[in-house]
């Protein structure tokens, strides 16, 4: 009985050790696990010609409430930069106004409050107020506005586990009829253990923007 009991304990410990070794090998071999996803919000086959010679102003990325142990300011900054780069490539015939120029103009003309109100109205109704959109477009001299919303979460449990999850939703809105002429979203997740799984903000921004615009 004692011998059988000792053998059972030994086998159990051996199985545990084997499992730990297997997990460790997987972690060091693959580093971390990535999950990527993308979808079109309303129009995957929008005609790019409608943007030719038009002025498209990018609004600053809005951060939506989410659990986070770190500030997302640097991620939002990286996203704002990447949005400008990507739109210039995907809509090469358009005049893209980057976030810094947009914000400076709105601030000078006292329209930052209008931008905030437009976003609040959309959050509560799912519709952009035509008067607010027209006011913003007139102030900037734009034909289209690009609105984007970020949900992100960073988690860390010492050296045991790290995780990053974020989604980006982008909409291009016309000043003429208040319509969302194109919309897309992307989701990027990364998880790991034993110190693996951390995500550089520029890498995350590139992943999110590329996924979001993959169908434009």
C-alpha atoms as a PDB file:
ATOM      1  CA  UNK A   1       0.000   0.000   0.000  1.00  0.00           C
ATOM      2  CA  UNK A   2       2.779   2.409   0.953  1.00  0.00           C
ATOM      3  CA  UNK A   3       4.731   1.622  -2.227  1.00  0.00           C
ATOM      4  CA  UNK A   4       1.641   2.167  -4.386  1.00  0.00           C
ATOM      5  CA  UNK A   5       0.903   5.410  -2.598  1.00  0.00           C
ATOM      6  CA  UNK A   6       4.455   6.669  -3.127  1.00  0.00           C
ATOM      7  CA  UNK A   7       4.325   5.664  -6.782  1.00  0.00           C
ATOM      8  CA  UNK A   8       1.056   7.551  -7.195  1.00  0.00           C
ATOM      9  CA  UNK A   9       2.512  10.676  -5.590  1.00  0.00           C
ATOM     10  CA  UNK A  10       5.631  10.382  -7.734  1.00  0.00           C
ATOM     11  CA  UNK A  11       3.580  10.044 -10.895  1.00  0.00           C
ATOM     12  CA  UNK A  12       1.418  13.034  -9.963  1.00  0.00           C
ATOM     13  CA  UNK A  13       4.469  15.171  -9.340  1.00  0.00           C
ATOM     14  CA  UNK A  14       6.010  13.965 -12.591  1.00  0.00           C
ATOM     15  CA  UNK A  15       2.873  14.906 -14.490  1.00  0.00           C
ATOM     16  CA  UNK A  16       2.853  18.371 -12.921  1.00  0.00           C
ATOM     17  CA  UNK A  17       6.531  18.909 -13.770  1.00  0.00           C
ATOM     18  CA  UNK A  18       5.910  17.704 -17.329  1.00  0.00           C
ATOM     19  CA  UNK A  19       2.972  20.095 -17.687  1.00  0.00           C
ATOM     20  CA  UNK A  20       5.041  23.029 -16.410  1.00  0.00           C
ATOM     21  CA  UNK A  21       7.856  22.180 -18.809  1.00  0.00           C
ATOM     22  CA  UNK A  22       5.405  21.917 -21.685  1.00  0.00           C
ATOM     23  CA  UNK A  23       3.899  25.325 -20.917  1.00  0.00           C
ATOM     24  CA  UNK A  24       7.345  26.891 -20.543  1.00  0.00           C
ATOM     25  CA  UNK A  25       8.502  25.489 -23.877  1.00  0.00           C
ATOM     26  CA  UNK A  26       5.370  26.830 -25.553  1.00  0.00           C
ATOM     27  CA  UNK A  27       5.872  30.266 -24.041  1.00  0.00           C
ATOM     28  CA  UNK A  28       9.515  30.547 -24.978  1.00  0.00           C
ATOM     29  CA  UNK A  29       8.819  29.155 -28.446  1.00  0.00           C
ATOM     30  CA  UNK A  30       5.931  31.420 -29.294  1.00  0.00           C
ATOM     31  CA  UNK A  31       6.406  34.322 -26.854  1.00  0.00           C
ATOM     32  CA  UNK A  32       2.759  35.287 -26.718  1.00  0.00           C
ATOM     33  CA  UNK A  33      -0.613  34.794 -28.327  1.00  0.00           C
ATOM     34  CA  UNK A  34      -2.049  37.334 -30.765  1.00  0.00           C
ATOM     35  CA  UNK A  35      -5.688  37.672 -31.779  1.00  0.00           C
ATOM     36  CA  UNK A  36      -6.656  39.902 -34.689  1.00  0.00           C
ATOM     37  CA  UNK A  37     -10.039  40.811 -36.116  1.00  0.00           C
ATOM     38  CA  UNK A  38     -11.553  43.314 -38.536  1.00  0.00           C
ATOM     39  CA  UNK A  39     -14.969  44.194 -39.939  1.00  0.00           C
ATOM     40  CA  UNK A  40     -16.772  46.851 -41.949  1.00  0.00           C
ATOM     41  CA  UNK A  41     -19.307  48.911 -40.061  1.00  0.00           C
ATOM     42  CA  UNK A  42     -21.479  49.963 -42.984  1.00  0.00           C
ATOM     43  CA  UNK A  43     -19.904  50.118 -46.434  1.00  0.00           C
ATOM     44  CA  UNK A  44     -17.034  47.905 -47.524  1.00  0.00           C
ATOM     45  CA  UNK A  45     -17.279  48.876 -51.211  1.00  0.00           C
ATOM     46  CA  UNK A  46     -17.272  52.660 -50.941  1.00  0.00           C
ATOM     47  CA  UNK A  47     -16.073  54.416 -54.104  1.00  0.00           C
ATOM     48  CA  UNK A  48     -12.763  56.083 -53.329  1.00  0.00           C
ATOM     49  CA  UNK A  49     -13.281  58.506 -56.209  1.00  0.00           C
ATOM     50  CA  UNK A  50     -15.772  60.453 -54.114  1.00  0.00           C
ATOM     51  CA  UNK A  51     -12.851  61.556 -51.923  1.00  0.00           C
ATOM     52  CA  UNK A  52     -10.663  62.760 -54.793  1.00  0.00           C
ATOM     53  CA  UNK A  53      -9.691  66.417 -54.381  1.00  0.00           C
ATOM     54  CA  UNK A  54     -11.775  66.574 -51.200  1.00  0.00           C
ATOM     55  CA  UNK A  55     -10.541  67.719 -47.799  1.00  0.00           C
ATOM     56  CA  UNK A  56     -10.732  65.100 -45.039  1.00  0.00           C
ATOM     57  CA  UNK A  57     -10.133  66.289 -41.472  1.00  0.00           C
ATOM     58  CA  UNK A  58      -9.135  63.791 -38.781  1.00  0.00           C
ATOM     59  CA  UNK A  59     -10.648  64.359 -35.355  1.00  0.00           C
ATOM     60  CA  UNK A  60      -8.587  63.274 -32.315  1.00  0.00           C
ATOM     61  CA  UNK A  61      -9.128  59.683 -31.194  1.00  0.00           C
ATOM     62  CA  UNK A  62     -11.663  59.484 -28.408  1.00  0.00           C
ATOM     63  CA  UNK A  63     -10.892  57.103 -25.565  1.00  0.00           C
ATOM     64  CA  UNK A  64     -13.864  55.192 -24.230  1.00  0.00           C
ATOM     65  CA  UNK A  65     -14.031  54.052 -20.638  1.00  0.00           C
ATOM     66  CA  UNK A  66     -12.171  50.802 -20.045  1.00  0.00           C
ATOM     67  CA  UNK A  67     -10.120  49.113 -17.360  1.00  0.00           C
ATOM     68  CA  UNK A  68      -6.457  50.077 -17.584  1.00  0.00           C
ATOM     69  CA  UNK A  69      -3.492  50.179 -15.252  1.00  0.00           C
ATOM     70  CA  UNK A  70      -1.607  52.540 -17.564  1.00  0.00           C
ATOM     71  CA  UNK A  71      -2.349  55.815 -19.291  1.00  0.00           C
ATOM     72  CA  UNK A  72      -3.496  55.423 -22.886  1.00  0.00           C
ATOM     73  CA  UNK A  73      -2.308  58.889 -23.919  1.00  0.00           C
ATOM     74  CA  UNK A  74       0.732  57.571 -25.783  1.00  0.00           C
ATOM     75  CA  UNK A  75      -1.421  54.986 -27.578  1.00  0.00           C
ATOM     76  CA  UNK A  76      -3.876  57.672 -28.657  1.00  0.00           C
ATOM     77  CA  UNK A  77      -0.991  59.845 -29.894  1.00  0.00           C
ATOM     78  CA  UNK A  78       0.395  56.942 -31.908  1.00  0.00           C
ATOM     79  CA  UNK A  79      -3.068  56.242 -33.339  1.00  0.00           C
ATOM     80  CA  UNK A  80      -3.558  59.876 -34.365  1.00  0.00           C
ATOM     81  CA  UNK A  81      -0.273  59.793 -36.269  1.00  0.00           C
ATOM     82  CA  UNK A  82      -0.971  56.425 -37.888  1.00  0.00           C
ATOM     83  CA  UNK A  83      -4.463  57.492 -38.979  1.00  0.00           C
ATOM     84  CA  UNK A  84      -3.007  60.379 -40.972  1.00  0.00           C
ATOM     85  CA  UNK A  85      -0.376  58.176 -42.628  1.00  0.00           C
ATOM     86  CA  UNK A  86      -2.881  55.456 -43.542  1.00  0.00           C
ATOM     87  CA  UNK A  87      -5.524  57.791 -44.959  1.00  0.00           C
ATOM     88  CA  UNK A  88      -2.946  59.490 -47.168  1.00  0.00           C
ATOM     89  CA  UNK A  89      -2.040  56.098 -48.622  1.00  0.00           C
ATOM     90  CA  UNK A  90      -5.560  54.652 -48.930  1.00  0.00           C
ATOM     91  CA  UNK A  91      -7.145  57.878 -50.208  1.00  0.00           C
ATOM     92  CA  UNK A  92      -4.217  59.265 -52.165  1.00  0.00           C
ATOM     93  CA  UNK A  93      -6.424  61.618 -54.192  1.00  0.00           C
ATOM     94  CA  UNK A  94      -7.715  63.445 -51.112  1.00  0.00           C
ATOM     95  CA  UNK A  95      -6.273  66.271 -49.038  1.00  0.00           C
ATOM     96  CA  UNK A  96      -5.891  64.839 -45.527  1.00  0.00           C
ATOM     97  CA  UNK A  97      -5.797  67.300 -42.611  1.00  0.00           C
ATOM     98  CA  UNK A  98      -3.989  65.716 -39.665  1.00  0.00           C
ATOM     99  CA  UNK A  99      -5.110  65.829 -36.050  1.00  0.00           C
ATOM    100  CA  UNK A 100      -2.748  68.577 -34.926  1.00  0.00           C
ATOM    101  CA  UNK A 101      -3.939  70.964 -37.647  1.00  0.00           C
ATOM    102  CA  UNK A 102      -7.574  70.083 -36.966  1.00  0.00           C
ATOM    103  CA  UNK A 103      -7.309  70.653 -33.216  1.00  0.00           C
ATOM    104  CA  UNK A 104      -5.354  73.896 -33.610  1.00  0.00           C
ATOM    105  CA  UNK A 105      -7.975  75.279 -35.992  1.00  0.00           C
ATOM    106  CA  UNK A 106     -10.908  74.257 -33.801  1.00  0.00           C
ATOM    107  CA  UNK A 107      -9.195  75.653 -30.717  1.00  0.00           C
ATOM    108  CA  UNK A 108      -8.467  78.981 -32.438  1.00  0.00           C
ATOM    109  CA  UNK A 109     -12.062  79.275 -33.594  1.00  0.00           C
ATOM    110  CA  UNK A 110     -13.557  78.192 -30.268  1.00  0.00           C
ATOM    111  CA  UNK A 111     -15.089  74.995 -31.662  1.00  0.00           C
ATOM    112  CA  UNK A 112     -13.624  72.346 -29.357  1.00  0.00           C
ATOM    113  CA  UNK A 113     -16.873  72.425 -27.397  1.00  0.00           C
ATOM    114  CA  UNK A 114     -18.801  71.687 -30.591  1.00  0.00           C
ATOM    115  CA  UNK A 115     -16.580  68.662 -31.224  1.00  0.00           C
ATOM    116  CA  UNK A 116     -17.220  67.397 -27.702  1.00  0.00           C
ATOM    117  CA  UNK A 117     -20.976  67.918 -28.095  1.00  0.00           C
ATOM    118  CA  UNK A 118     -21.002  66.095 -31.436  1.00  0.00           C
ATOM    119  CA  UNK A 119     -19.300  63.077 -29.883  1.00  0.00           C
ATOM    120  CA  UNK A 120     -21.612  63.068 -26.859  1.00  0.00           C
ATOM    121  CA  UNK A 121     -24.662  63.248 -29.116  1.00  0.00           C
ATOM    122  CA  UNK A 122     -23.425  60.303 -31.166  1.00  0.00           C
ATOM    123  CA  UNK A 123     -22.678  58.268 -28.033  1.00  0.00           C
ATOM    124  CA  UNK A 124     -26.200  58.797 -26.723  1.00  0.00           C
ATOM    125  CA  UNK A 125     -28.177  58.580 -29.996  1.00  0.00           C
ATOM    126  CA  UNK A 126     -25.980  56.775 -32.543  1.00  0.00           C
ATOM    127  CA  UNK A 127     -26.451  59.750 -34.913  1.00  0.00           C
ATOM    128  CA  UNK A 128     -24.216  62.715 -35.713  1.00  0.00           C
ATOM    129  CA  UNK A 129     -25.979  66.064 -35.360  1.00  0.00           C
ATOM    130  CA  UNK A 130     -26.035  67.686 -38.810  1.00  0.00           C
ATOM    131  CA  UNK A 131     -25.627  71.238 -37.513  1.00  0.00           C
ATOM    132  CA  UNK A 132     -22.595  70.291 -35.421  1.00  0.00           C
ATOM    133  CA  UNK A 133     -20.958  68.377 -38.272  1.00  0.00           C
ATOM    134  CA  UNK A 134     -21.588  71.280 -40.653  1.00  0.00           C
ATOM    135  CA  UNK A 135     -20.165  73.738 -38.125  1.00  0.00           C
ATOM    136  CA  UNK A 136     -17.013  71.688 -37.651  1.00  0.00           C
ATOM    137  CA  UNK A 137     -16.539  71.214 -41.404  1.00  0.00           C
ATOM    138  CA  UNK A 138     -17.017  74.924 -42.067  1.00  0.00           C
ATOM    139  CA  UNK A 139     -14.529  75.881 -39.365  1.00  0.00           C
ATOM    140  CA  UNK A 140     -11.866  73.540 -40.742  1.00  0.00           C
ATOM    141  CA  UNK A 141     -12.772  73.875 -44.404  1.00  0.00           C
ATOM    142  CA  UNK A 142     -13.368  70.137 -44.755  1.00  0.00           C
ATOM    143  CA  UNK A 143     -15.711  68.001 -46.830  1.00  0.00           C
ATOM    144  CA  UNK A 144     -15.454  64.955 -44.577  1.00  0.00           C
ATOM    145  CA  UNK A 145     -14.667  64.348 -40.910  1.00  0.00           C
ATOM    146  CA  UNK A 146     -12.981  61.225 -39.530  1.00  0.00           C
ATOM    147  CA  UNK A 147     -14.180  60.185 -36.084  1.00  0.00           C
ATOM    148  CA  UNK A 148     -12.571  57.324 -34.182  1.00  0.00           C
ATOM    149  CA  UNK A 149     -13.192  55.633 -30.844  1.00  0.00           C
ATOM    150  CA  UNK A 150     -10.732  53.548 -28.859  1.00  0.00           C
ATOM    151  CA  UNK A 151     -11.423  50.886 -26.267  1.00  0.00           C
ATOM    152  CA  UNK A 152      -8.309  49.510 -24.638  1.00  0.00           C
ATOM    153  CA  UNK A 153      -7.305  47.491 -21.629  1.00  0.00           C
ATOM    154  CA  UNK A 154      -3.889  46.643 -20.232  1.00  0.00           C
ATOM    155  CA  UNK A 155      -3.416  44.039 -17.543  1.00  0.00           C
ATOM    156  CA  UNK A 156      -0.370  42.891 -15.646  1.00  0.00           C
ATOM    157  CA  UNK A 157      -0.002  40.403 -12.803  1.00  0.00           C
ATOM    158  CA  UNK A 158       3.667  40.659 -11.900  1.00  0.00           C
ATOM    159  CA  UNK A 159       5.730  38.206 -13.898  1.00  0.00           C
ATOM    160  CA  UNK A 160       2.915  35.677 -14.089  1.00  0.00           C
ATOM    161  CA  UNK A 161       0.873  37.207 -16.864  1.00  0.00           C
ATOM    162  CA  UNK A 162       0.495  40.224 -19.100  1.00  0.00           C
ATOM    163  CA  UNK A 163      -2.319  41.157 -21.427  1.00  0.00           C
ATOM    164  CA  UNK A 164      -3.333  43.836 -23.905  1.00  0.00           C
ATOM    165  CA  UNK A 165      -6.696  44.185 -25.614  1.00  0.00           C
ATOM    166  CA  UNK A 166      -7.883  47.051 -27.800  1.00  0.00           C
ATOM    167  CA  UNK A 167     -10.446  47.840 -30.463  1.00  0.00           C
ATOM    168  CA  UNK A 168     -10.638  50.843 -32.789  1.00  0.00           C
ATOM    169  CA  UNK A 169     -13.737  52.064 -34.598  1.00  0.00           C
ATOM    170  CA  UNK A 170     -13.392  54.652 -37.381  1.00  0.00           C
ATOM    171  CA  UNK A 171     -16.126  56.505 -39.300  1.00  0.00           C
ATOM    172  CA  UNK A 172     -15.901  58.946 -42.200  1.00  0.00           C
ATOM    173  CA  UNK A 173     -18.800  61.416 -42.071  1.00  0.00           C
ATOM    174  CA  UNK A 174     -19.916  63.689 -44.917  1.00  0.00           C
ATOM    175  CA  UNK A 175     -20.745  67.337 -44.270  1.00  0.00           C
ATOM    176  CA  UNK A 176     -23.458  67.288 -46.954  1.00  0.00           C
ATOM    177  CA  UNK A 177     -25.916  64.795 -45.527  1.00  0.00           C
ATOM    178  CA  UNK A 178     -24.536  63.847 -42.110  1.00  0.00           C
ATOM    179  CA  UNK A 179     -24.105  60.261 -43.343  1.00  0.00           C
ATOM    180  CA  UNK A 180     -21.406  57.834 -42.288  1.00  0.00           C
ATOM    181  CA  UNK A 181     -20.108  57.123 -45.811  1.00  0.00           C
ATOM    182  CA  UNK A 182     -17.639  54.518 -44.580  1.00  0.00           C
ATOM    183  CA  UNK A 183     -16.890  52.777 -41.317  1.00  0.00           C
ATOM    184  CA  UNK A 184     -14.551  50.065 -40.149  1.00  0.00           C
ATOM    185  CA  UNK A 185     -13.289  48.508 -36.944  1.00  0.00           C
ATOM    186  CA  UNK A 186     -10.323  46.435 -35.856  1.00  0.00           C
ATOM    187  CA  UNK A 187      -9.519  44.425 -32.748  1.00  0.00           C
ATOM    188  CA  UNK A 188      -6.098  43.387 -31.519  1.00  0.00           C
ATOM    189  CA  UNK A 189      -5.321  41.250 -28.464  1.00  0.00           C
ATOM    190  CA  UNK A 190      -2.060  39.978 -27.112  1.00  0.00           C
ATOM    191  CA  UNK A 191      -1.501  37.787 -24.086  1.00  0.00           C
ATOM    192  CA  UNK A 192       1.487  36.030 -22.553  1.00  0.00           C
ATOM    193  CA  UNK A 193       3.103  34.693 -19.388  1.00  0.00           C
ATOM    194  CA  UNK A 194       6.393  34.919 -17.518  1.00  0.00           C
ATOM    195  CA  UNK A 195       6.995  38.494 -18.621  1.00  0.00           C
ATOM    196  CA  UNK A 196       5.927  37.990 -22.238  1.00  0.00           C
ATOM    197  CA  UNK A 197       2.935  39.675 -23.836  1.00  0.00           C
ATOM    198  CA  UNK A 198       3.669  43.372 -23.296  1.00  0.00           C
ATOM    199  CA  UNK A 199       2.799  45.538 -26.294  1.00  0.00           C
ATOM    200  CA  UNK A 200       4.538  48.662 -27.569  1.00  0.00           C
ATOM    201  CA  UNK A 201       2.019  51.435 -28.227  1.00  0.00           C
ATOM    202  CA  UNK A 202       3.307  52.148 -31.728  1.00  0.00           C
ATOM    203  CA  UNK A 203       3.029  48.462 -32.613  1.00  0.00           C
ATOM    204  CA  UNK A 204      -0.513  48.346 -31.210  1.00  0.00           C
ATOM    205  CA  UNK A 205      -1.475  51.503 -33.124  1.00  0.00           C
ATOM    206  CA  UNK A 206      -0.127  50.103 -36.381  1.00  0.00           C
ATOM    207  CA  UNK A 207      -1.973  46.810 -35.869  1.00  0.00           C
ATOM    208  CA  UNK A 208      -5.267  48.509 -35.007  1.00  0.00           C
ATOM    209  CA  UNK A 209      -5.231  51.034 -37.862  1.00  0.00           C
ATOM    210  CA  UNK A 210      -4.138  48.484 -40.469  1.00  0.00           C
ATOM    211  CA  UNK A 211      -6.909  46.123 -39.382  1.00  0.00           C
ATOM    212  CA  UNK A 212      -9.521  48.883 -39.350  1.00  0.00           C
ATOM    213  CA  UNK A 213      -8.678  50.101 -42.867  1.00  0.00           C
ATOM    214  CA  UNK A 214      -8.038  46.675 -44.404  1.00  0.00           C
ATOM    215  CA  UNK A 215     -11.385  46.842 -46.229  1.00  0.00           C
ATOM    216  CA  UNK A 216     -11.156  50.424 -47.472  1.00  0.00           C
END
